[in-house]
N, C-alpha and C. Protein backbone atom coordinates (compact mmCIF):
# COMPACT_ATOMS: atom_id res chain seq x y z
N MET A 1 26.03 -166.32 -170.04
CA MET A 1 26.83 -166.06 -168.86
C MET A 1 28.14 -166.84 -168.90
N VAL A 2 28.08 -168.04 -169.47
CA VAL A 2 29.29 -168.86 -169.56
C VAL A 2 30.30 -168.21 -170.50
N ILE A 3 29.82 -167.61 -171.57
CA ILE A 3 30.72 -166.94 -172.52
C ILE A 3 31.44 -165.79 -171.84
N VAL A 4 30.76 -165.08 -170.98
CA VAL A 4 31.37 -163.98 -170.24
C VAL A 4 32.50 -164.51 -169.35
N TRP A 5 32.26 -165.62 -168.66
CA TRP A 5 33.30 -166.20 -167.80
C TRP A 5 34.50 -166.69 -168.61
N ILE A 6 34.24 -167.28 -169.77
CA ILE A 6 35.34 -167.73 -170.64
C ILE A 6 36.14 -166.53 -171.13
N GLY A 7 35.47 -165.49 -171.58
CA GLY A 7 36.16 -164.27 -172.03
C GLY A 7 36.96 -163.63 -170.92
N LEU A 8 36.40 -163.61 -169.72
CA LEU A 8 37.10 -163.04 -168.58
C LEU A 8 38.36 -163.86 -168.26
N GLY A 9 38.24 -165.17 -168.31
CA GLY A 9 39.38 -166.05 -168.05
C GLY A 9 40.49 -165.87 -169.07
N ILE A 10 40.11 -165.77 -170.34
CA ILE A 10 41.11 -165.55 -171.40
C ILE A 10 41.77 -164.19 -171.24
N GLY A 11 41.01 -163.18 -170.90
CA GLY A 11 41.57 -161.85 -170.69
C GLY A 11 42.55 -161.80 -169.54
N VAL A 12 42.22 -162.45 -168.44
CA VAL A 12 43.11 -162.50 -167.28
C VAL A 12 44.38 -163.27 -167.64
N LEU A 13 44.24 -164.38 -168.37
CA LEU A 13 45.40 -165.17 -168.77
C LEU A 13 46.33 -164.36 -169.68
N LEU A 14 45.77 -163.64 -170.64
CA LEU A 14 46.59 -162.79 -171.51
C LEU A 14 47.28 -161.68 -170.72
N ALA A 15 46.59 -161.09 -169.77
CA ALA A 15 47.19 -160.03 -168.95
C ALA A 15 48.36 -160.58 -168.14
N ILE A 16 48.22 -161.77 -167.59
CA ILE A 16 49.30 -162.37 -166.80
C ILE A 16 50.51 -162.65 -167.69
N ILE A 17 50.27 -163.19 -168.89
CA ILE A 17 51.38 -163.48 -169.82
C ILE A 17 52.10 -162.21 -170.21
N LEU A 18 51.35 -161.15 -170.52
CA LEU A 18 51.99 -159.89 -170.93
C LEU A 18 52.76 -159.24 -169.78
N ILE A 19 52.24 -159.32 -168.57
CA ILE A 19 52.95 -158.77 -167.41
C ILE A 19 54.25 -159.52 -167.18
N LYS A 20 54.24 -160.85 -167.34
CA LYS A 20 55.46 -161.64 -167.20
C LYS A 20 56.49 -161.24 -168.25
N LYS A 21 56.04 -161.05 -169.49
CA LYS A 21 56.96 -160.65 -170.56
C LYS A 21 57.56 -159.27 -170.28
N ILE A 22 56.76 -158.35 -169.77
CA ILE A 22 57.25 -157.01 -169.48
C ILE A 22 58.29 -157.05 -168.36
N THR A 23 58.05 -157.85 -167.34
CA THR A 23 58.99 -157.91 -166.22
C THR A 23 60.28 -158.61 -166.60
N LYS A 24 60.25 -159.55 -167.54
CA LYS A 24 61.46 -160.27 -167.94
C LYS A 24 62.31 -159.48 -168.93
N THR A 25 61.70 -158.59 -169.69
CA THR A 25 62.41 -157.82 -170.71
C THR A 25 63.20 -156.69 -170.06
N SER A 26 64.43 -156.53 -170.51
CA SER A 26 65.28 -155.46 -170.01
C SER A 26 64.74 -154.10 -170.45
N PRO A 27 64.83 -153.08 -169.60
CA PRO A 27 64.33 -151.76 -170.02
C PRO A 27 65.18 -151.14 -171.13
N ARG A 28 66.41 -151.61 -171.29
CA ARG A 28 67.28 -151.07 -172.33
C ARG A 28 67.13 -151.81 -173.65
N ASP A 29 66.37 -152.89 -173.66
CA ASP A 29 66.16 -153.67 -174.87
C ASP A 29 65.17 -152.95 -175.77
N SER A 30 65.46 -152.90 -177.06
CA SER A 30 64.57 -152.19 -177.99
C SER A 30 64.05 -153.16 -179.04
N PHE A 31 62.98 -152.76 -179.69
CA PHE A 31 62.40 -153.54 -180.77
C PHE A 31 63.21 -153.27 -182.03
N ARG A 32 63.71 -154.33 -182.64
CA ARG A 32 64.52 -154.16 -183.85
C ARG A 32 64.02 -155.09 -184.94
N PHE A 33 64.21 -154.67 -186.16
CA PHE A 33 63.95 -155.53 -187.30
C PHE A 33 65.01 -155.24 -188.34
N GLY A 34 65.25 -156.22 -189.18
CA GLY A 34 66.31 -156.09 -190.18
C GLY A 34 65.96 -155.11 -191.27
N VAL A 35 66.78 -154.09 -191.42
CA VAL A 35 66.57 -153.11 -192.49
C VAL A 35 67.24 -153.60 -193.76
N TYR A 36 68.29 -154.40 -193.61
CA TYR A 36 69.04 -154.90 -194.75
C TYR A 36 68.88 -156.41 -194.87
N CYS A 37 68.99 -156.92 -196.08
CA CYS A 37 68.90 -158.36 -196.33
C CYS A 37 70.11 -159.05 -195.72
N LYS A 38 69.88 -160.20 -195.08
CA LYS A 38 70.97 -160.92 -194.44
C LYS A 38 71.88 -161.59 -195.46
N LYS A 39 71.36 -161.93 -196.64
CA LYS A 39 72.16 -162.62 -197.65
C LYS A 39 72.99 -161.66 -198.50
N CYS A 40 72.34 -160.63 -199.04
CA CYS A 40 73.05 -159.78 -200.01
C CYS A 40 73.31 -158.35 -199.51
N GLY A 41 72.66 -157.92 -198.44
CA GLY A 41 72.91 -156.59 -197.90
C GLY A 41 72.08 -155.49 -198.53
N TYR A 42 71.14 -155.82 -199.38
CA TYR A 42 70.28 -154.85 -200.03
C TYR A 42 69.30 -154.27 -199.03
N LYS A 43 69.04 -152.95 -199.09
CA LYS A 43 68.13 -152.31 -198.15
C LYS A 43 66.68 -152.69 -198.47
N THR A 44 66.01 -153.35 -197.50
CA THR A 44 64.65 -153.84 -197.73
C THR A 44 63.62 -153.22 -196.80
N ASN A 45 64.04 -152.52 -195.75
CA ASN A 45 63.15 -151.91 -194.75
C ASN A 45 62.25 -152.95 -194.09
N GLY A 46 62.77 -154.16 -193.87
CA GLY A 46 62.03 -155.19 -193.17
C GLY A 46 61.17 -156.07 -194.06
N LEU A 47 61.13 -155.79 -195.35
CA LEU A 47 60.34 -156.59 -196.27
C LEU A 47 61.19 -157.71 -196.87
N LYS A 48 60.59 -158.54 -197.71
CA LYS A 48 61.34 -159.59 -198.38
C LYS A 48 62.28 -158.95 -199.40
N CYS A 49 63.44 -159.54 -199.55
CA CYS A 49 64.43 -159.01 -200.49
C CYS A 49 64.04 -159.37 -201.92
N PRO A 50 63.87 -158.37 -202.79
CA PRO A 50 63.49 -158.69 -204.18
C PRO A 50 64.61 -159.37 -204.94
N ARG A 51 65.86 -159.07 -204.62
CA ARG A 51 66.98 -159.71 -205.30
C ARG A 51 67.07 -161.19 -204.97
N CYS A 52 67.04 -161.51 -203.68
CA CYS A 52 67.16 -162.91 -203.27
C CYS A 52 65.90 -163.69 -203.61
N GLU A 53 64.75 -163.04 -203.57
CA GLU A 53 63.49 -163.71 -203.90
C GLU A 53 63.47 -164.08 -205.39
N SER A 54 63.93 -163.18 -206.25
CA SER A 54 63.94 -163.50 -207.68
C SER A 54 65.01 -164.54 -207.99
N ALA A 55 66.12 -164.52 -207.28
CA ALA A 55 67.17 -165.51 -207.47
C ALA A 55 66.68 -166.90 -207.09
N SER A 56 65.93 -166.99 -205.99
CA SER A 56 65.41 -168.28 -205.57
C SER A 56 64.33 -168.77 -206.53
N ASN A 57 63.58 -167.84 -207.12
CA ASN A 57 62.57 -168.24 -208.10
C ASN A 57 63.22 -168.76 -209.38
N ARG A 58 64.33 -168.16 -209.79
CA ARG A 58 65.03 -168.61 -210.99
C ARG A 58 65.63 -170.00 -210.77
N GLN A 59 66.13 -170.26 -209.57
CA GLN A 59 66.75 -171.56 -209.30
C GLN A 59 65.70 -172.66 -209.19
N SER A 60 64.49 -172.33 -208.77
CA SER A 60 63.46 -173.35 -208.63
C SER A 60 62.95 -173.84 -209.97
N TRP A 61 63.14 -173.05 -211.04
CA TRP A 61 62.68 -173.48 -212.37
C TRP A 61 63.65 -174.44 -213.02
N LYS A 62 64.88 -174.50 -212.55
CA LYS A 62 65.88 -175.37 -213.19
C LYS A 62 65.69 -176.81 -212.84
């Protein structure tokens, strides 16, 4: 029974946090992620840049 009360409390707490986030966020604000690398401009579709990642690996060996 105690586990049920703990789960209920956590669920209510999460619901309150999410409702606060929804009310603070502008309705015109959209979810965005970087399609291009910030360093070199290569199209990565939100993943790690293979060009900059290999460059940093080469520099770490020196």
